[in-house]
Amino acid sequence: MGATDELGKKVVERPVSIPDFHATIHCALGIDPGKNLYAGERPVPITDHGKPITEVFAQS
């Protein structure tokens, strides 16, 4: 996965963006993070085009 400095204050390896974090949560809940919501007829991405962090899910 990733790593922080010795004090745990800074990410030094494998930082995760907010959109990717949100996509991971949606994926864990069974919600397709690639879907759009709609404001009228305008599509609004659920996760701002984030990609799920698949390493956090168990492999079977």
PDB file of N, CA and C in Angstrom:
ATOM      1  N   MET A   1       0.845  -1.182   0.000  1.00  0.00           N
ATOM      2  CA  MET A   1       0.000   0.000   0.000  1.00  0.00           C
ATOM      3  C   MET A   1       0.887   1.241   0.000  1.00  0.00           C
ATOM      4  N   GLY A   2       0.671   2.128   0.952  1.00  0.00           N
ATOM      5  CA  GLY A   2       1.430   3.357   1.004  1.00  0.00           C
ATOM      6  C   GLY A   2       2.254   3.444   2.267  1.00  0.00           C
ATOM      7  N   ALA A   3       2.850   4.601   2.452  1.00  0.00           N
ATOM      8  CA  ALA A   3       3.672   4.808   3.643  1.00  0.00           C
ATOM      9  C   ALA A   3       3.669   6.283   4.011  1.00  0.00           C
ATOM     10  N   THR A   4       3.914   6.540   5.300  1.00  0.00           N
ATOM     11  CA  THR A   4       4.027   7.916   5.786  1.00  0.00           C
ATOM     12  C   THR A   4       5.432   8.118   6.341  1.00  0.00           C
ATOM     13  N   ASP A   5       5.736   9.380   6.673  1.00  0.00           N
ATOM     14  CA  ASP A   5       7.014   9.644   7.320  1.00  0.00           C
ATOM     15  C   ASP A   5       7.006   9.059   8.733  1.00  0.00           C
ATOM     16  N   GLU A   6       8.117   9.158   9.424  1.00  0.00           N
ATOM     17  CA  GLU A   6       8.244   8.522  10.736  1.00  0.00           C
ATOM     18  C   GLU A   6       7.259   9.056  11.770  1.00  0.00           C
ATOM     19  N   LEU A   7       6.728  10.263  11.575  1.00  0.00           N
ATOM     20  CA  LEU A   7       5.738  10.820  12.502  1.00  0.00           C
ATOM     21  C   LEU A   7       4.299  10.590  12.042  1.00  0.00           C
ATOM     22  N   GLY A   8       4.132  10.023  10.862  1.00  0.00           N
ATOM     23  CA  GLY A   8       2.785   9.784  10.334  1.00  0.00           C
ATOM     24  C   GLY A   8       2.082  11.043   9.880  1.00  0.00           C
ATOM     25  N   LYS A   9       2.846  12.084   9.578  1.00  0.00           N
ATOM     26  CA  LYS A   9       2.240  13.360   9.199  1.00  0.00           C
ATOM     27  C   LYS A   9       2.144  13.575   7.689  1.00  0.00           C
ATOM     28  N   LYS A  10       3.078  12.982   6.948  1.00  0.00           N
ATOM     29  CA  LYS A  10       3.110  13.199   5.503  1.00  0.00           C
ATOM     30  C   LYS A  10       3.121  11.873   4.765  1.00  0.00           C
ATOM     31  N   VAL A  11       2.382  11.829   3.662  1.00  0.00           N
ATOM     32  CA  VAL A  11       2.384  10.645   2.803  1.00  0.00           C
ATOM     33  C   VAL A  11       3.653  10.698   1.972  1.00  0.00           C
ATOM     34  N   VAL A  12       4.425   9.622   2.013  1.00  0.00           N
ATOM     35  CA  VAL A  12       5.662   9.570   1.235  1.00  0.00           C
ATOM     36  C   VAL A  12       5.603   8.522   0.128  1.00  0.00           C
ATOM     37  N   GLU A  13       4.578   7.659   0.164  1.00  0.00           N
ATOM     38  CA  GLU A  13       4.442   6.620  -0.847  1.00  0.00           C
ATOM     39  C   GLU A  13       2.970   6.326  -1.094  1.00  0.00           C
ATOM     40  N   ARG A  14       2.570   6.300  -2.371  1.00  0.00           N
ATOM     41  CA  ARG A  14       1.215   5.948  -2.816  1.00  0.00           C
ATOM     42  C   ARG A  14       0.124   6.850  -2.228  1.00  0.00           C
ATOM     43  N   PRO A  15       0.201   8.176  -2.471  1.00  0.00           N
ATOM     44  CA  PRO A  15      -0.879   9.046  -2.004  1.00  0.00           C
ATOM     45  C   PRO A  15      -2.190   8.724  -2.738  1.00  0.00           C
ATOM     46  N   VAL A  16      -3.310   8.999  -2.107  1.00  0.00           N
ATOM     47  CA  VAL A  16      -4.633   8.719  -2.666  1.00  0.00           C
ATOM     48  C   VAL A  16      -5.395  10.034  -2.777  1.00  0.00           C
ATOM     49  N   SER A  17      -5.980  10.278  -3.939  1.00  0.00           N
ATOM     50  CA  SER A  17      -6.755  11.507  -4.138  1.00  0.00           C
ATOM     51  C   SER A  17      -8.132  11.367  -3.484  1.00  0.00           C
ATOM     52  N   ILE A  18      -8.763  12.480  -3.225  1.00  0.00           N
ATOM     53  CA  ILE A  18     -10.118  12.482  -2.662  1.00  0.00           C
ATOM     54  C   ILE A  18     -11.095  11.771  -3.604  1.00  0.00           C
ATOM     55  N   PRO A  19     -11.081  12.040  -4.926  1.00  0.00           N
ATOM     56  CA  PRO A  19     -11.978  11.296  -5.811  1.00  0.00           C
ATOM     57  C   PRO A  19     -11.757   9.787  -5.760  1.00  0.00           C
ATOM     58  N   ASP A  20     -10.496   9.345  -5.667  1.00  0.00           N
ATOM     59  CA  ASP A  20     -10.226   7.906  -5.572  1.00  0.00           C
ATOM     60  C   ASP A  20     -10.728   7.338  -4.245  1.00  0.00           C
ATOM     61  N   PHE A  21     -10.559   8.083  -3.167  1.00  0.00           N
ATOM     62  CA  PHE A  21     -11.062   7.663  -1.856  1.00  0.00           C
ATOM     63  C   PHE A  21     -12.585   7.508  -1.900  1.00  0.00           C
ATOM     64  N   HIS A  22     -13.276   8.489  -2.470  1.00  0.00           N
ATOM     65  CA  HIS A  22     -14.738   8.419  -2.586  1.00  0.00           C
ATOM     66  C   HIS A  22     -15.161   7.253  -3.481  1.00  0.00           C
ATOM     67  N   ALA A  23     -14.457   7.027  -4.583  1.00  0.00           N
ATOM     68  CA  ALA A  23     -14.774   5.910  -5.476  1.00  0.00           C
ATOM     69  C   ALA A  23     -14.617   4.582  -4.745  1.00  0.00           C
ATOM     70  N   THR A  24     -13.610   4.472  -3.884  1.00  0.00           N
ATOM     71  CA  THR A  24     -13.387   3.248  -3.115  1.00  0.00           C
ATOM     72  C   THR A  24     -14.538   2.996  -2.150  1.00  0.00           C
ATOM     73  N   ILE A  25     -14.994   4.030  -1.479  1.00  0.00           N
ATOM     74  CA  ILE A  25     -16.137   3.895  -0.558  1.00  0.00           C
ATOM     75  C   ILE A  25     -17.378   3.466  -1.321  1.00  0.00           C
ATOM     76  N   HIS A  26     -17.659   4.121  -2.447  1.00  0.00           N
ATOM     77  CA  HIS A  26     -18.831   3.755  -3.243  1.00  0.00           C
ATOM     78  C   HIS A  26     -18.743   2.301  -3.708  1.00  0.00           C
ATOM     79  N   CYS A  27     -17.580   1.894  -4.168  1.00  0.00           N
ATOM     80  CA  CYS A  27     -17.379   0.524  -4.634  1.00  0.00           C
ATOM     81  C   CYS A  27     -17.634  -0.472  -3.494  1.00  0.00           C
ATOM     82  N   ALA A  28     -17.141  -0.168  -2.296  1.00  0.00           N
ATOM     83  CA  ALA A  28     -17.346  -1.043  -1.139  1.00  0.00           C
ATOM     84  C   ALA A  28     -18.825  -1.169  -0.787  1.00  0.00           C
ATOM     85  N   LEU A  29     -19.601  -0.130  -1.085  1.00  0.00           N
ATOM     86  CA  LEU A  29     -21.041  -0.141  -0.816  1.00  0.00           C
ATOM     87  C   LEU A  29     -21.853  -0.730  -1.963  1.00  0.00           C
ATOM     88  N   GLY A  30     -21.169  -1.149  -3.021  1.00  0.00           N
ATOM     89  CA  GLY A  30     -21.857  -1.744  -4.162  1.00  0.00           C
ATOM     90  C   GLY A  30     -22.421  -0.725  -5.134  1.00  0.00           C
ATOM     91  N   ILE A  31     -21.942   0.514  -5.051  1.00  0.00           N
ATOM     92  CA  ILE A  31     -22.399   1.581  -5.951  1.00  0.00           C
ATOM     93  C   ILE A  31     -21.337   1.782  -7.029  1.00  0.00           C
ATOM     94  N   ASP A  32     -21.736   1.776  -8.277  1.00  0.00           N
ATOM     95  CA  ASP A  32     -20.810   1.973  -9.391  1.00  0.00           C
ATOM     96  C   ASP A  32     -20.278   3.409  -9.348  1.00  0.00           C
ATOM     97  N   PRO A  33     -18.982   3.600  -9.046  1.00  0.00           N
ATOM     98  CA  PRO A  33     -18.449   4.954  -8.953  1.00  0.00           C
ATOM     99  C   PRO A  33     -18.351   5.673 -10.297  1.00  0.00           C
ATOM    100  N   GLY A  34     -18.550   4.956 -11.394  1.00  0.00           N
ATOM    101  CA  GLY A  34     -18.512   5.571 -12.707  1.00  0.00           C
ATOM    102  C   GLY A  34     -19.850   6.154 -13.148  1.00  0.00           C
ATOM    103  N   LYS A  35     -20.892   5.942 -12.336  1.00  0.00           N
ATOM    104  CA  LYS A  35     -22.218   6.455 -12.698  1.00  0.00           C
ATOM    105  C   LYS A  35     -22.292   7.968 -12.522  1.00  0.00           C
ATOM    106  N   ASN A  36     -23.278   8.547 -13.154  1.00  0.00           N
ATOM    107  CA  ASN A  36     -23.538   9.975 -13.019  1.00  0.00           C
ATOM    108  C   ASN A  36     -24.843  10.202 -12.287  1.00  0.00           C
ATOM    109  N   LEU A  37     -24.896  11.271 -11.546  1.00  0.00           N
ATOM    110  CA  LEU A  37     -26.159  11.802 -11.028  1.00  0.00           C
ATOM    111  C   LEU A  37     -26.577  12.870 -12.034  1.00  0.00           C
ATOM    112  N   TYR A  38     -27.803  13.328 -11.949  1.00  0.00           N
ATOM    113  CA  TYR A  38     -28.247  14.330 -12.904  1.00  0.00           C
ATOM    114  C   TYR A  38     -28.851  15.521 -12.190  1.00  0.00           C
ATOM    115  N   ALA A  39     -28.380  16.716 -12.578  1.00  0.00           N
ATOM    116  CA  ALA A  39     -28.940  17.981 -12.127  1.00  0.00           C
ATOM    117  C   ALA A  39     -29.726  18.504 -13.324  1.00  0.00           C
ATOM    118  N   GLY A  40     -31.017  18.192 -13.338  1.00  0.00           N
ATOM    119  CA  GLY A  40     -31.799  18.467 -14.536  1.00  0.00           C
ATOM    120  C   GLY A  40     -31.353  17.484 -15.591  1.00  0.00           C
ATOM    121  N   GLU A  41     -30.852  17.990 -16.694  1.00  0.00           N
ATOM    122  CA  GLU A  41     -30.337  17.114 -17.749  1.00  0.00           C
ATOM    123  C   GLU A  41     -28.813  17.057 -17.754  1.00  0.00           C
ATOM    124  N   ARG A  42     -28.171  17.790 -16.863  1.00  0.00           N
ATOM    125  CA  ARG A  42     -26.711  17.839 -16.831  1.00  0.00           C
ATOM    126  C   ARG A  42     -26.153  16.687 -15.995  1.00  0.00           C
ATOM    127  N   PRO A  43     -25.293  15.838 -16.576  1.00  0.00           N
ATOM    128  CA  PRO A  43     -24.701  14.749 -15.805  1.00  0.00           C
ATOM    129  C   PRO A  43     -23.636  15.275 -14.832  1.00  0.00           C
ATOM    130  N   VAL A  44     -23.655  14.747 -13.613  1.00  0.00           N
ATOM    131  CA  VAL A  44     -22.675  15.112 -12.589  1.00  0.00           C
ATOM    132  C   VAL A  44     -22.037  13.814 -12.094  1.00  0.00           C
ATOM    133  N   PRO A  45     -20.732  13.630 -12.301  1.00  0.00           N
ATOM    134  CA  PRO A  45     -20.101  12.386 -11.861  1.00  0.00           C
ATOM    135  C   PRO A  45     -20.192  12.232 -10.338  1.00  0.00           C
ATOM    136  N   ILE A  46     -20.466  11.016  -9.876  1.00  0.00           N
ATOM    137  CA  ILE A  46     -20.586  10.752  -8.443  1.00  0.00           C
ATOM    138  C   ILE A  46     -19.267  11.035  -7.738  1.00  0.00           C
ATOM    139  N   THR A  47     -18.156  10.622  -8.328  1.00  0.00           N
ATOM    140  CA  THR A  47     -16.866  10.693  -7.642  1.00  0.00           C
ATOM    141  C   THR A  47     -15.851  11.585  -8.336  1.00  0.00           C
ATOM    142  N   ASP A  48     -16.270  12.466  -9.210  1.00  0.00           N
ATOM    143  CA  ASP A  48     -15.330  13.337  -9.917  1.00  0.00           C
ATOM    144  C   ASP A  48     -14.285  12.508 -10.658  1.00  0.00           C
ATOM    145  N   HIS A  49     -14.745  11.402 -11.256  1.00  0.00           N
ATOM    146  CA  HIS A  49     -13.927  10.506 -12.081  1.00  0.00           C
ATOM    147  C   HIS A  49     -12.846   9.765 -11.294  1.00  0.00           C
ATOM    148  N   GLY A  50     -13.092   9.513 -10.004  1.00  0.00           N
ATOM    149  CA  GLY A  50     -12.144   8.748  -9.199  1.00  0.00           C
ATOM    150  C   GLY A  50     -12.156   7.274  -9.559  1.00  0.00           C
ATOM    151  N   LYS A  51     -11.067   6.610  -9.271  1.00  0.00           N
ATOM    152  CA  LYS A  51     -10.923   5.164  -9.504  1.00  0.00           C
ATOM    153  C   LYS A  51     -10.797   4.470  -8.152  1.00  0.00           C
ATOM    154  N   PRO A  52     -11.525   3.366  -7.934  1.00  0.00           N
ATOM    155  CA  PRO A  52     -11.423   2.648  -6.657  1.00  0.00           C
ATOM    156  C   PRO A  52     -10.006   2.115  -6.413  1.00  0.00           C
ATOM    157  N   ILE A  53      -9.602   2.103  -5.168  1.00  0.00           N
ATOM    158  CA  ILE A  53      -8.311   1.556  -4.765  1.00  0.00           C
ATOM    159  C   ILE A  53      -8.545   0.067  -4.517  1.00  0.00           C
ATOM    160  N   THR A  54      -8.300  -0.724  -5.528  1.00  0.00           N
ATOM    161  CA  THR A  54      -8.663  -2.142  -5.477  1.00  0.00           C
ATOM    162  C   THR A  54      -7.814  -2.952  -4.506  1.00  0.00           C
ATOM    163  N   GLU A  55      -6.628  -2.453  -4.149  1.00  0.00           N
ATOM    164  CA  GLU A  55      -5.775  -3.190  -3.224  1.00  0.00           C
ATOM    165  C   GLU A  55      -6.388  -3.371  -1.839  1.00  0.00           C
ATOM    166  N   VAL A  56      -7.359  -2.532  -1.481  1.00  0.00           N
ATOM    167  CA  VAL A  56      -7.953  -2.637  -0.146  1.00  0.00           C
ATOM    168  C   VAL A  56      -9.019  -3.732  -0.070  1.00  0.00           C
ATOM    169  N   PHE A  57      -9.414  -4.282  -1.217  1.00  0.00           N
ATOM    170  CA  PHE A  57     -10.420  -5.326  -1.241  1.00  0.00           C
ATOM    171  C   PHE A  57      -9.749  -6.693  -1.258  1.00  0.00           C
ATOM    172  N   ALA A  58     -10.318  -7.631  -0.524  1.00  0.00           N
ATOM    173  CA  ALA A  58      -9.762  -8.988  -0.441  1.00  0.00           C
ATOM    174  C   ALA A  58      -9.819  -9.665  -1.804  1.00  0.00           C
ATOM    175  N   GLN A  59      -8.805 -10.417  -2.107  1.00  0.00           N
ATOM    176  CA  GLN A  59      -8.768 -11.195  -3.335  1.00  0.00           C
ATOM    177  C   GLN A  59      -9.330 -12.584  -3.053  1.00  0.00           C
ATOM    178  N   SER A  60     -10.115 -13.106  -3.975  1.00  0.00           N
ATOM    179  CA  SER A  60     -10.647 -14.460  -3.770  1.00  0.00           C
ATOM    180  C   SER A  60     -10.191 -15.396  -4.855  1.00  0.00           C
TER     181      SER A  60
END
